[in-house]
Amino acid sequence: MGMPLELNTMIVTKGRENRLEDNYFFLQKEGYRLYPIDIPLEVKKTIHGDLIGTGVIKKVEWTENMTSITYQLVSLNSTN
């Protein structure tokens, strides 16, 4: 039996990110998703939306058909 897995090359928040401290954020997404760690990725609010900034994922965790990521926002393109 296989496990569905999605490979993501950008961080799409849909406004569901939570600030942990400083420039670190936590985001939980449905399904199992694989992200590159310690590589700069585009951060967007929606997949076709404007670029918010650049983030670096520090931690990925899979539990009960959910993916949790902790990322650091390393550059910001807009304050909105």
C-alpha atoms as a PDB file:
ATOM      1  CA  MET A   1       0.000   0.000   0.000  1.00  0.00           C
ATOM      2  CA  GLY A   2       1.412   3.390  -0.985  1.00  0.00           C
ATOM      3  CA  MET A   3       1.446   6.697   0.821  1.00  0.00           C
ATOM      4  CA  PRO A   4       0.415   9.825  -1.113  1.00  0.00           C
ATOM      5  CA  LEU A   5       3.232  12.356  -1.042  1.00  0.00           C
ATOM      6  CA  GLU A   6       3.445  15.831  -2.559  1.00  0.00           C
ATOM      7  CA  LEU A   7       6.764  17.555  -3.327  1.00  0.00           C
ATOM      8  CA  ASN A   8       6.625  21.319  -2.669  1.00  0.00           C
ATOM      9  CA  THR A   9       9.175  23.846  -3.895  1.00  0.00           C
ATOM     10  CA  MET A  10       7.540  26.972  -2.434  1.00  0.00           C
ATOM     11  CA  ILE A  11       5.807  27.842   0.829  1.00  0.00           C
ATOM     12  CA  VAL A  12       2.125  28.741   0.287  1.00  0.00           C
ATOM     13  CA  THR A  13       0.628  30.034   3.547  1.00  0.00           C
ATOM     14  CA  LYS A  14      -3.011  30.893   2.654  1.00  0.00           C
ATOM     15  CA  GLY A  15      -2.794  33.175   5.707  1.00  0.00           C
ATOM     16  CA  ARG A  16      -2.573  30.236   8.153  1.00  0.00           C
ATOM     17  CA  GLU A  17       0.997  30.784   9.363  1.00  0.00           C
ATOM     18  CA  ASN A  18       1.643  31.486  13.046  1.00  0.00           C
ATOM     19  CA  ARG A  19       4.592  33.552  14.237  1.00  0.00           C
ATOM     20  CA  LEU A  20       6.701  31.719  16.797  1.00  0.00           C
ATOM     21  CA  GLU A  21       9.404  34.280  17.561  1.00  0.00           C
ATOM     22  CA  ASP A  22      11.361  36.864  15.608  1.00  0.00           C
ATOM     23  CA  ASN A  23      11.250  35.727  11.960  1.00  0.00           C
ATOM     24  CA  TYR A  24      10.264  32.106  12.657  1.00  0.00           C
ATOM     25  CA  PHE A  25       6.847  30.832  11.606  1.00  0.00           C
ATOM     26  CA  PHE A  26       4.856  27.610  12.005  1.00  0.00           C
ATOM     27  CA  LEU A  27       2.524  26.302   9.289  1.00  0.00           C
ATOM     28  CA  GLN A  28       0.407  23.155   9.237  1.00  0.00           C
ATOM     29  CA  LYS A  29      -0.926  21.718   5.966  1.00  0.00           C
ATOM     30  CA  GLU A  30      -3.158  18.759   5.206  1.00  0.00           C
ATOM     31  CA  GLY A  31      -1.556  15.684   3.646  1.00  0.00           C
ATOM     32  CA  TYR A  32       2.027  14.500   3.501  1.00  0.00           C
ATOM     33  CA  ARG A  33       4.292  17.062   1.853  1.00  0.00           C
ATOM     34  CA  LEU A  34       8.012  16.983   1.287  1.00  0.00           C
ATOM     35  CA  TYR A  35       9.967  20.263   1.398  1.00  0.00           C
ATOM     36  CA  PRO A  36      13.679  20.952   0.889  1.00  0.00           C
ATOM     37  CA  ILE A  37      15.331  21.944   4.168  1.00  0.00           C
ATOM     38  CA  ASP A  38      17.899  24.779   4.521  1.00  0.00           C
ATOM     39  CA  ILE A  39      17.331  26.008   0.948  1.00  0.00           C
ATOM     40  CA  PRO A  40      15.744  29.432   0.243  1.00  0.00           C
ATOM     41  CA  LEU A  41      12.159  29.062  -1.067  1.00  0.00           C
ATOM     42  CA  GLU A  42       9.580  31.582  -2.264  1.00  0.00           C
ATOM     43  CA  VAL A  43       6.878  32.407   0.305  1.00  0.00           C
ATOM     44  CA  LYS A  44       3.452  33.293  -1.121  1.00  0.00           C
ATOM     45  CA  LYS A  45      -0.007  33.738   0.366  1.00  0.00           C
ATOM     46  CA  THR A  46      -1.599  31.871  -2.598  1.00  0.00           C
ATOM     47  CA  ILE A  47       0.021  29.741  -5.277  1.00  0.00           C
ATOM     48  CA  HIS A  48      -0.561  32.367  -7.997  1.00  0.00           C
ATOM     49  CA  GLY A  49      -0.248  35.388  -5.691  1.00  0.00           C
ATOM     50  CA  ASP A  50       2.525  37.911  -5.303  1.00  0.00           C
ATOM     51  CA  LEU A  51       5.805  36.952  -3.700  1.00  0.00           C
ATOM     52  CA  ILE A  52       5.815  37.814   0.027  1.00  0.00           C
ATOM     53  CA  GLY A  53       9.463  36.996   0.587  1.00  0.00           C
ATOM     54  CA  THR A  54      11.969  34.183   0.934  1.00  0.00           C
ATOM     55  CA  GLY A  55      11.917  31.531   3.635  1.00  0.00           C
ATOM     56  CA  VAL A  56      14.179  28.700   4.759  1.00  0.00           C
ATOM     57  CA  ILE A  57      12.520  25.613   6.221  1.00  0.00           C
ATOM     58  CA  LYS A  58      14.172  24.466   9.433  1.00  0.00           C
ATOM     59  CA  LYS A  59      11.884  21.572  10.444  1.00  0.00           C
ATOM     60  CA  VAL A  60       9.352  19.257   8.745  1.00  0.00           C
ATOM     61  CA  GLU A  61       7.148  16.861  10.721  1.00  0.00           C
ATOM     62  CA  TRP A  62       4.533  14.367   9.492  1.00  0.00           C
ATOM     63  CA  THR A  63       1.738  13.161  11.768  1.00  0.00           C
ATOM     64  CA  GLU A  64      -1.736  11.766  11.067  1.00  0.00           C
ATOM     65  CA  ASN A  65      -2.003  12.946   7.435  1.00  0.00           C
ATOM     66  CA  MET A  66      -0.707  16.420   8.340  1.00  0.00           C
ATOM     67  CA  THR A  67       2.579  18.168   7.560  1.00  0.00           C
ATOM     68  CA  SER A  68       3.935  20.754   9.985  1.00  0.00           C
ATOM     69  CA  ILE A  69       6.777  23.046   8.984  1.00  0.00           C
ATOM     70  CA  THR A  70       8.808  25.608  10.859  1.00  0.00           C
ATOM     71  CA  TYR A  71      10.456  28.171   8.611  1.00  0.00           C
ATOM     72  CA  GLN A  72      12.510  31.320   8.957  1.00  0.00           C
ATOM     73  CA  LEU A  73      11.559  34.327   6.848  1.00  0.00           C
ATOM     74  CA  VAL A  74      14.943  35.564   5.604  1.00  0.00           C
ATOM     75  CA  SER A  75      13.719  38.377   3.332  1.00  0.00           C
ATOM     76  CA  LEU A  76      10.459  40.301   3.059  1.00  0.00           C
ATOM     77  CA  ASN A  77       9.217  41.938  -0.148  1.00  0.00           C
ATOM     78  CA  SER A  78       6.263  43.800   1.402  1.00  0.00           C
ATOM     79  CA  THR A  79       4.888  44.684   4.811  1.00  0.00           C
ATOM     80  CA  ASN A  80       1.315  43.738   3.764  1.00  0.00           C
END
